[in-house]
Protein backbone atom coordinates (compact mmCIF):
# COMPACT_ATOMS: atom_id res chain seq x y z
CA MET A 1 231.07 89.14 -14.71
CA ARG A 2 232.31 88.49 -18.74
CA LYS A 3 229.54 86.16 -18.78
CA GLU A 4 226.97 88.56 -17.67
CA TRP A 5 228.61 91.56 -20.20
CA ASP A 6 228.11 88.94 -23.11
CA LYS A 7 224.43 88.15 -22.13
CA VAL A 8 223.42 91.62 -21.74
CA ALA A 9 225.26 93.00 -24.88
CA GLY A 10 223.60 90.29 -27.06
CA ASP A 11 219.96 90.92 -25.60
CA ALA A 12 221.02 94.82 -26.05
CA ARG A 13 221.91 94.00 -29.82
CA ARG A 14 218.66 92.04 -30.54
CA VAL A 15 216.18 94.66 -29.44
CA LEU A 16 218.07 97.41 -31.37
CA GLU A 17 217.39 95.15 -34.28
CA GLY A 18 213.94 94.02 -33.05
CA ASN A 19 212.68 97.67 -32.59
CA ARG A 20 213.57 99.09 -36.04
CA GLN A 21 210.80 100.57 -37.57
CA ARG A 22 211.01 100.99 -41.52
CA GLY A 23 208.29 102.57 -43.96
CA VAL A 24 206.84 105.65 -45.59
CA SER A 25 204.81 108.15 -43.90
CA ALA A 26 201.80 109.67 -45.17
CA TRP A 27 203.40 113.09 -43.90
CA GLY A 28 204.68 114.37 -47.29
CA GLY A 29 205.85 110.54 -48.60
CA GLN A 30 208.64 110.68 -46.10
CA ARG A 31 210.81 107.37 -45.61
CA TYR A 32 211.43 106.90 -41.85
CA ASP A 33 213.98 104.24 -40.46
CA PHE A 34 214.84 104.60 -36.79
CA VAL A 35 214.62 102.45 -33.48
CA CYS A 36 211.63 102.91 -31.53
CA PRO A 37 211.38 102.51 -27.59
CA SER A 38 209.27 99.67 -27.46
CA PRO A 39 207.06 98.24 -30.56
CA THR A 40 204.30 97.27 -28.27
CA THR A 41 204.37 100.52 -25.80
CA TYR A 42 206.15 103.11 -27.58
CA PRO A 43 206.03 102.64 -31.26
CA PHE A 44 206.85 105.99 -32.46
CA GLN A 45 210.14 108.20 -32.54
CA TRP A 46 211.11 110.24 -29.55
CA PHE A 47 213.65 112.91 -29.49
CA TRP A 48 215.85 111.69 -26.84
CA ASP A 49 215.39 108.38 -27.08
CA SER A 50 216.82 108.25 -30.76
CA ALA A 51 219.74 110.20 -29.56
CA PHE A 52 220.16 107.45 -26.77
CA HIS A 53 219.79 104.71 -29.61
CA ALA A 54 222.24 106.29 -31.59
CA ILE A 55 224.93 106.37 -29.17
CA ALA A 56 223.87 102.38 -28.28
CA LEU A 57 223.92 101.87 -32.34
CA LEU A 58 227.84 103.06 -32.45
CA HIS A 59 228.59 99.73 -30.82
CA VAL A 60 226.50 97.82 -33.66
CA ASP A 61 226.81 99.42 -36.95
CA PRO A 62 228.01 103.38 -37.25
CA GLU A 63 226.04 103.84 -40.33
CA LEU A 64 222.76 102.79 -38.28
CA ALA A 65 223.70 105.53 -35.74
CA LYS A 66 223.79 108.20 -38.36
CA GLN A 67 220.90 106.84 -39.63
CA GLU A 68 218.94 107.51 -36.39
CA ILE A 69 219.85 110.87 -36.22
CA ARG A 70 219.07 111.61 -39.95
CA CYS A 71 215.29 110.10 -39.31
CA LEU A 72 215.02 112.26 -36.49
CA MET A 73 216.43 115.62 -38.18
CA GLN A 74 213.35 115.02 -41.21
CA GLY A 75 211.34 116.51 -38.19
CA ALA A 76 213.00 119.41 -37.73
CA ARG A 77 210.96 122.81 -38.50
CA PRO A 78 212.46 125.58 -40.23
CA ASP A 79 212.03 128.11 -37.09
CA GLY A 80 214.22 125.73 -35.16
CA PHE A 81 211.74 124.06 -33.40
CA MET A 82 212.16 120.03 -33.12
CA PRO A 83 209.24 117.95 -31.55
CA HIS A 84 209.82 115.36 -29.13
CA MET A 85 207.64 113.12 -30.85
CA LEU A 86 207.30 112.27 -34.36
CA LEU A 87 204.07 110.29 -35.05
CA TRP A 88 205.39 108.36 -38.79
CA GLU A 89 202.65 105.88 -38.79
CA LYS A 90 199.28 107.54 -39.35
CA SER A 91 197.24 104.44 -38.89
CA ALA A 92 198.63 104.47 -35.31
CA HIS A 93 197.51 107.89 -34.74
CA GLU A 94 194.32 107.79 -32.63
CA ALA A 95 195.50 105.01 -30.43
CA ALA A 96 198.47 107.26 -29.51
CA LEU A 97 196.18 110.10 -28.43
CA ARG A 98 194.46 107.85 -26.53
CA GLU A 99 197.35 106.41 -24.89
CA TYR A 100 199.99 109.34 -24.02
CA SER A 101 198.79 112.87 -22.70
CA ILE A 102 200.47 114.86 -25.66
CA THR A 103 199.03 117.80 -27.82
CA LEU A 104 200.02 117.94 -31.20
CA ALA A 105 201.20 120.75 -33.32
CA ASP A 106 200.40 118.91 -36.63
CA PRO A 107 198.85 115.39 -37.28
CA PHE A 108 202.14 114.48 -37.41
CA TYR A 109 204.02 115.86 -34.40
CA THR A 110 203.77 117.10 -31.07
CA ALA A 111 204.03 120.90 -29.94
CA THR A 112 206.64 119.99 -27.38
CA ILE A 113 210.23 119.39 -26.79
CA GLN A 114 212.69 116.98 -24.86
CA PRO A 115 215.98 117.29 -23.32
CA PRO A 116 218.71 118.06 -26.27
CA VAL A 117 220.68 115.08 -26.01
CA VAL A 118 221.07 115.05 -29.65
CA ALA A 119 224.10 117.16 -29.70
CA ARG A 120 226.23 114.69 -27.53
CA ALA A 121 224.87 111.83 -30.01
CA VAL A 122 226.36 113.81 -33.14
CA LEU A 123 229.75 114.17 -31.25
CA ARG A 124 229.89 110.57 -30.14
CA ILE A 125 229.41 109.38 -33.82
CA HIS A 126 231.85 111.84 -35.27
CA GLU A 127 234.63 110.82 -32.54
CA ALA A 128 233.86 107.16 -33.66
CA THR A 129 233.75 107.82 -37.26
CA GLY A 130 235.29 111.20 -38.22
CA ASP A 131 232.79 111.59 -40.57
CA THR A 132 232.79 115.52 -40.95
CA ALA A 133 230.35 115.23 -44.11
CA PHE A 134 227.98 113.67 -41.71
CA VAL A 135 228.42 116.58 -39.23
CA ARG A 136 227.78 119.06 -41.86
CA GLU A 137 224.57 117.46 -42.63
CA VAL A 138 222.58 117.36 -39.55
CA LEU A 139 224.51 120.25 -37.78
CA PRO A 140 222.16 123.08 -39.17
CA PRO A 141 219.12 121.78 -37.69
CA ILE A 142 220.41 121.05 -34.44
CA ARG A 143 222.06 124.46 -34.19
CA ARG A 144 219.22 126.00 -35.05
CA PHE A 145 217.26 123.88 -32.16
CA PHE A 146 219.61 125.40 -29.61
CA ARG A 147 219.07 128.99 -30.67
CA TRP A 148 215.36 128.34 -30.37
CA LEU A 149 215.66 127.67 -27.22
CA LYS A 150 217.37 130.36 -26.23
CA ALA A 151 215.17 132.60 -28.15
CA TYR A 152 211.66 130.75 -26.99
CA ARG A 153 212.53 129.22 -23.67
CA ASP A 154 214.61 131.65 -21.42
CA PRO A 155 212.14 134.35 -21.00
CA ASP A 156 213.90 135.84 -17.99
CA ASP A 157 217.29 135.60 -19.63
CA ASP A 158 219.09 134.27 -17.26
CA GLY A 159 220.60 131.29 -19.22
CA LEU A 160 218.36 128.75 -17.88
CA VAL A 161 215.92 127.15 -20.12
CA ALA A 162 212.34 126.50 -19.02
CA ILE A 163 209.75 123.65 -19.49
CA ILE A 164 206.34 124.21 -20.15
CA GLN A 165 205.00 120.69 -18.84
CA PRO A 166 206.56 117.71 -17.35
CA ASP A 167 207.11 115.67 -20.14
CA GLU A 168 209.23 118.25 -21.57
CA SER A 169 211.86 116.83 -19.39
CA GLY A 170 211.16 113.35 -20.10
CA LEU A 171 210.49 112.91 -16.57
CA ASP A 172 206.70 112.89 -16.87
CA ALA A 173 205.31 112.04 -13.39
CA SER A 174 208.39 112.85 -11.17
CA PRO A 175 207.26 113.90 -7.55
CA LYS A 176 209.18 117.15 -8.00
CA TYR A 177 206.69 118.50 -10.10
CA ASP A 178 203.94 117.19 -7.93
CA ARG A 179 202.83 120.60 -6.18
CA LEU A 180 202.69 122.58 -9.28
CA MET A 181 200.72 119.64 -10.75
CA GLU A 182 198.30 119.53 -7.91
CA ILE A 183 199.27 115.77 -7.18
CA SER A 184 199.17 114.01 -4.04
CA HIS A 185 201.26 110.73 -3.86
CA ASP A 186 198.63 109.22 -1.45
CA PRO A 187 196.71 107.00 -2.35
CA PRO A 188 199.20 105.74 -5.07
CA GLU A 189 196.57 104.47 -7.22
CA GLU A 190 195.29 108.23 -7.74
CA THR A 191 198.70 109.72 -9.02
CA LEU A 192 198.18 108.85 -12.90
CA PRO A 193 194.59 109.80 -13.05
CA ARG A 194 195.69 112.95 -11.40
CA LEU A 195 198.23 113.58 -13.64
CA ARG A 196 196.10 113.17 -16.57
CA ARG A 197 193.86 115.73 -15.29
CA SER A 198 196.94 118.08 -14.90
CA MET A 199 198.12 117.85 -18.12
CA ARG A 200 194.50 118.44 -19.95
CA ARG A 201 194.54 121.49 -17.63
CA LEU A 202 197.96 122.76 -18.84
CA PHE A 203 196.92 121.93 -22.48
CA GLU A 204 193.58 124.07 -22.33
CA ALA A 205 195.60 127.00 -20.66
CA TYR A 206 197.88 126.79 -23.76
CA ALA A 207 195.39 126.25 -26.80
CA PRO A 208 194.87 129.92 -27.27
CA TYR A 209 198.68 130.40 -28.00
CA ARG A 210 200.01 127.55 -29.98
CA SER A 211 200.61 129.72 -32.97
CA ASP A 212 202.55 131.95 -30.50
CA PRO A 213 204.73 129.65 -28.55
CA ALA A 214 206.85 132.73 -27.02
CA ARG A 215 203.95 133.69 -25.05
CA ILE A 216 203.86 130.15 -23.18
CA PRO A 217 206.40 130.48 -20.89
CA ALA A 218 205.18 133.90 -19.85
CA LEU A 219 201.95 132.53 -18.71
CA GLY A 220 203.28 131.07 -15.78
CA THR A 221 200.97 127.96 -16.09
CA PHE A 222 203.86 126.00 -15.43
CA THR A 223 207.43 127.51 -16.08
CA TRP A 224 210.11 125.39 -14.61
CA GLU A 225 213.85 125.32 -14.92
CA ASP A 226 214.73 121.95 -14.55
CA VAL A 227 218.36 120.72 -13.50
CA MET A 228 218.75 117.73 -15.70
CA VAL A 229 217.40 119.73 -18.77
CA ASN A 230 219.50 122.71 -18.28
CA ALA A 231 222.49 120.28 -17.70
CA ILE A 232 221.93 118.36 -20.73
CA TYR A 233 221.62 121.90 -22.68
CA ALA A 234 224.76 122.75 -21.31
CA ASP A 235 226.57 119.83 -22.17
CA GLY A 236 224.84 119.96 -25.75
CA LEU A 237 226.32 123.77 -26.04
CA ARG A 238 229.88 122.60 -25.36
CA CYS A 239 229.34 119.59 -28.01
CA LEU A 240 228.48 122.06 -30.78
CA ALA A 241 231.50 124.23 -29.80
CA LYS A 242 233.33 121.60 -30.63
CA LEU A 243 231.53 120.14 -33.56
CA THR A 244 231.45 123.20 -35.43
CA ASP A 245 234.09 124.30 -37.98
CA LEU A 246 233.45 127.86 -37.41
CA ALA A 247 235.41 129.78 -34.82
CA HIS A 248 233.09 132.41 -34.10
CA GLU A 249 230.30 129.80 -33.53
CA ALA A 250 232.40 127.74 -31.33
CA GLU A 251 233.07 130.59 -29.34
CA GLU A 252 229.53 131.42 -29.22
CA PHE A 253 228.22 128.09 -27.95
CA ALA A 254 231.49 127.72 -25.54
CA ALA A 255 230.23 130.81 -24.26
CA ARG A 256 226.75 129.91 -23.78
CA ALA A 257 227.87 126.90 -22.42
CA SER A 258 229.67 128.27 -19.56
CA ARG A 259 226.98 130.69 -18.78
CA VAL A 260 224.15 127.90 -18.34
CA ARG A 261 226.99 126.10 -15.95
CA ALA A 262 227.35 129.33 -13.99
CA ALA A 263 223.29 129.88 -13.76
CA LEU A 264 223.08 126.41 -12.34
CA GLU A 265 225.91 126.84 -9.79
CA THR A 266 224.45 130.74 -9.04
CA LYS A 267 220.61 129.80 -8.97
CA SER A 268 220.14 126.04 -8.32
CA TRP A 269 222.91 125.09 -5.93
CA ASP A 270 222.03 124.84 -2.18
CA GLU A 271 225.37 125.54 -0.30
CA LYS A 272 223.41 123.78 2.78
CA THR A 273 222.38 120.60 1.53
CA GLY A 274 224.86 120.29 -1.56
CA VAL A 275 222.63 119.47 -3.99
CA PHE A 276 221.15 121.63 -6.98
CA TRP A 277 217.32 121.93 -6.93
CA ASP A 278 215.12 122.79 -9.83
CA LEU A 279 213.17 126.57 -9.96
CA ALA A 280 209.95 126.39 -10.17
CA GLY A 281 207.67 129.66 -11.54
CA TRP A 282 208.78 133.10 -12.02
CA ASP A 283 209.58 133.41 -8.56
CA ASP A 284 212.22 130.34 -9.05
CA GLU A 285 211.24 128.91 -5.97
CA PRO A 286 213.69 125.78 -5.08
CA ALA A 287 211.71 122.69 -5.34
CA ARG A 288 213.14 120.73 -2.78
CA THR A 289 212.31 117.07 -3.82
CA LEU A 290 215.53 114.88 -3.88
CA THR A 291 215.57 113.09 -7.09
CA PHE A 292 218.88 112.30 -9.58
CA SER A 293 218.06 115.69 -11.18
CA SER A 294 219.62 116.86 -8.42
CA LEU A 295 222.88 115.37 -8.98
CA PHE A 296 222.85 115.59 -12.38
CA PRO A 297 225.25 118.70 -13.22
CA LEU A 298 227.94 116.16 -12.55
CA ILE A 299 227.62 115.34 -16.02
CA LEU A 300 229.45 119.03 -16.91
CA GLU A 301 233.12 118.38 -16.79
CA ASP A 302 233.75 122.12 -15.61
CA LEU A 303 231.51 121.85 -12.80
CA ASP A 304 233.21 123.29 -9.51
CA PRO A 305 235.09 120.33 -8.46
CA ARG A 306 234.03 120.95 -4.60
CA LYS A 307 230.23 120.80 -5.55
CA ALA A 308 230.90 117.75 -7.59
CA THR A 309 232.63 116.14 -4.47
CA ARG A 310 229.78 116.83 -2.32
CA LEU A 311 227.47 115.48 -4.89
CA ILE A 312 229.08 112.37 -5.01
CA ASP A 313 230.39 111.62 -1.56
CA GLU A 314 227.16 113.43 0.39
CA HIS A 315 224.30 112.03 -1.86
CA LEU A 316 225.13 109.69 -4.44
CA LEU A 317 227.22 107.33 -2.33
CA ASN A 318 224.77 107.87 0.51
CA GLU A 319 223.24 104.36 1.29
CA ARG A 320 219.83 106.00 2.72
CA GLU A 321 219.57 108.03 -0.57
CA PHE A 322 221.06 106.86 -4.00
CA TRP A 323 223.27 104.23 -3.29
CA LEU A 324 220.92 101.11 -3.05
CA PRO A 325 221.71 97.95 -4.10
CA TYR A 326 220.90 98.73 -7.74
CA PRO A 327 221.44 102.53 -8.35
CA VAL A 328 220.55 105.34 -9.12
CA PRO A 329 216.93 105.40 -7.90
CA SER A 330 215.24 108.04 -9.91
CA VAL A 331 213.88 109.47 -6.39
CA ALA A 332 215.75 109.58 -3.13
CA ALA A 333 214.64 106.45 -0.92
CA THR A 334 214.52 109.03 2.06
CA GLU A 335 211.50 111.11 -0.01
CA PRO A 336 207.83 110.21 0.86
CA SER A 337 207.20 109.80 -2.60
CA PHE A 338 209.90 107.14 -3.17
CA ASP A 339 207.81 104.23 -5.09
CA PRO A 340 210.55 101.21 -6.18
CA THR A 341 207.85 99.02 -6.63
CA TRP A 342 205.59 101.14 -9.33
CA ARG A 343 202.40 101.04 -7.01
CA THR A 344 201.56 104.54 -8.80
CA ASN A 345 201.87 103.07 -12.22
CA THR A 346 203.71 106.35 -13.27
CA THR A 347 207.36 106.89 -14.25
CA TRP A 348 210.25 108.46 -12.57
CA ARG A 349 209.04 108.07 -9.04
CA GLY A 350 211.65 105.57 -7.69
CA PRO A 351 212.86 102.99 -10.09
CA THR A 352 216.26 102.86 -11.59
CA TRP A 353 216.69 104.06 -15.23
CA ILE A 354 219.79 103.21 -17.71
CA ASN A 355 219.93 106.71 -19.21
CA VAL A 356 220.57 108.18 -15.88
CA ASN A 357 223.47 105.74 -15.10
CA TRP A 358 224.86 106.02 -18.45
CA TYR A 359 224.92 110.13 -17.90
CA LEU A 360 226.13 109.53 -14.37
CA TYR A 361 228.80 107.00 -15.18
CA TRP A 362 230.55 109.40 -17.68
CA GLY A 363 230.03 112.29 -15.12
CA LEU A 364 231.80 110.12 -12.56
CA ARG A 365 234.67 109.85 -14.64
CA ALA A 366 234.89 113.34 -15.93
CA HIS A 367 235.43 114.21 -12.20
CA GLY A 368 238.17 111.55 -11.40
CA ARG A 369 236.07 109.07 -9.91
CA ARG A 370 236.34 106.03 -12.07
CA ASP A 371 236.30 103.53 -9.48
CA ILE A 372 232.77 104.56 -8.38
CA ALA A 373 231.91 104.78 -12.28
CA SER A 374 232.97 101.16 -12.79
CA GLU A 375 231.05 100.23 -9.73
CA LEU A 376 227.97 101.72 -10.86
CA ALA A 377 228.34 100.10 -14.64
CA GLU A 378 228.81 96.62 -12.86
CA ARG A 379 225.87 96.96 -10.72
CA THR A 380 224.02 98.19 -14.04
CA VAL A 381 225.09 94.79 -15.87
CA ARG A 382 224.29 92.71 -13.01
CA MET A 383 220.75 94.18 -12.78
CA MET A 384 219.94 93.70 -16.35
CA ALA A 385 221.52 90.25 -16.61
CA SER A 386 219.23 89.11 -14.01
CA SER A 387 216.35 91.25 -15.44
CA GLY A 388 216.61 91.60 -19.31
CA THR A 389 216.52 95.03 -21.06
CA ARG A 390 213.30 96.49 -19.47
CA GLU A 391 212.52 100.13 -19.31
CA PHE A 392 213.15 100.71 -15.64
CA TYR A 393 214.26 98.69 -12.46
CA ASN A 394 213.14 98.19 -8.80
CA PRO A 395 216.25 99.93 -7.18
CA LEU A 396 216.01 97.64 -4.19
CA THR A 397 215.49 94.27 -5.98
CA GLY A 398 216.83 94.74 -9.51
CA GLU A 399 213.59 93.49 -10.99
CA GLY A 400 212.42 94.37 -14.21
CA GLN A 401 209.61 96.69 -14.59
CA GLY A 402 207.39 98.85 -17.16
CA ALA A 403 208.04 98.16 -21.10
CA ARG A 404 210.19 94.90 -22.27
CA ASP A 405 213.01 95.05 -24.84
CA PHE A 406 213.22 99.11 -24.22
CA GLY A 407 215.21 101.35 -26.55
CA TRP A 408 217.69 103.23 -24.49
CA SER A 409 218.53 100.53 -21.88
CA THR A 410 220.82 99.22 -24.79
CA LEU A 411 223.12 102.14 -23.60
CA VAL A 412 224.60 99.48 -21.62
CA LEU A 413 226.52 98.53 -24.91
CA ASP A 414 228.43 101.90 -24.26
CA LEU A 415 228.98 101.13 -20.37
CA ILE A 416 230.40 97.41 -21.36
CA ALA A 417 232.63 98.93 -23.99
CA ALA A 418 234.00 101.69 -21.53
CA GLU A 419 235.18 99.03 -18.82
CA GLY A 420 236.71 97.01 -21.49
CA GLY A 421 234.23 94.38 -22.45
CA ASN A 422 232.96 93.54 -25.77
CA PRO A 423 229.61 95.24 -26.46
């Protein structure tokens, strides 16, 4: 195992170095210096990717971890909004618009969000370095973003934030969205064209309201309370409570974190099946497609222990659903839409992702299941030792798929360190 750890850690460090992008943007002459997800496939800066990169960079150079967040914060808007993509290099904009289903609020950034992993990243940096000056520097825009989410993305005031299109969760083509996106998983080769058509439909519906973003969730075109997004949101609020040095803010963010967790347990938990379901539309219809998101509240330390036990024992460790040879698949193997071999040429429909394993690893440890966490880490390292640092992996064979030298897969450095290895 030690040889595999060393091999995987060395490759991760190579990727973090090789994926670095530096320059001066035509956007106000701002300097950029960050790790992109993939120089050939994803050369821009993505919001949650950079948060994951910062955590991995702690095991290379903590100053580079801070730089990742500083670069990201240059995209923060005065009203609190943070875009999911920063397109620093203007010469690549036309290709990006052709390649990705995105809409821009400005030539240099998108009009959409991604999960707020950044608060967890900043807490990890502070825990590793004790650098309070850095926290004071980057905390104000992050704090504003969490307040923006509450103001603009919780139209029914139930504590849960809503996304307005699938890629705002980062899970662009997850089959849990298929019904609202009018996508059939058969034949597989039609999935991607249907997704692109549906994304254009959303963009057209939202176009008249881009200047007033509070109105968009109220349209009901695609209003979705995503379990994974809200678990990350609750975790982020808890992190902010620990990061702030103001007592009243700590109380505010801790109370909001508890409210989000309670809303997930009240509204999304299904006692019969023992999982959490996303809620679709204004009617909060449970989206009963079993994906890893249904397990994601495991990342919350204050989750009801009985619910955590059911998630782990009945589902995560279920060899028919999620405990495959190379877990954790993004879709349960029992689902008709399960696509481990990437036949649909779209993401999040079956393969295993390292950022999911990373989150669930720490969730397992938080709920006293370190043995399972260690097994998950070992299988993750074994998979990467044979297939390299890829975007995602076949959960049955461990074969690497998608982009090569993928940035957030370097989170494996954090798993190796947690297991006592040398990252």
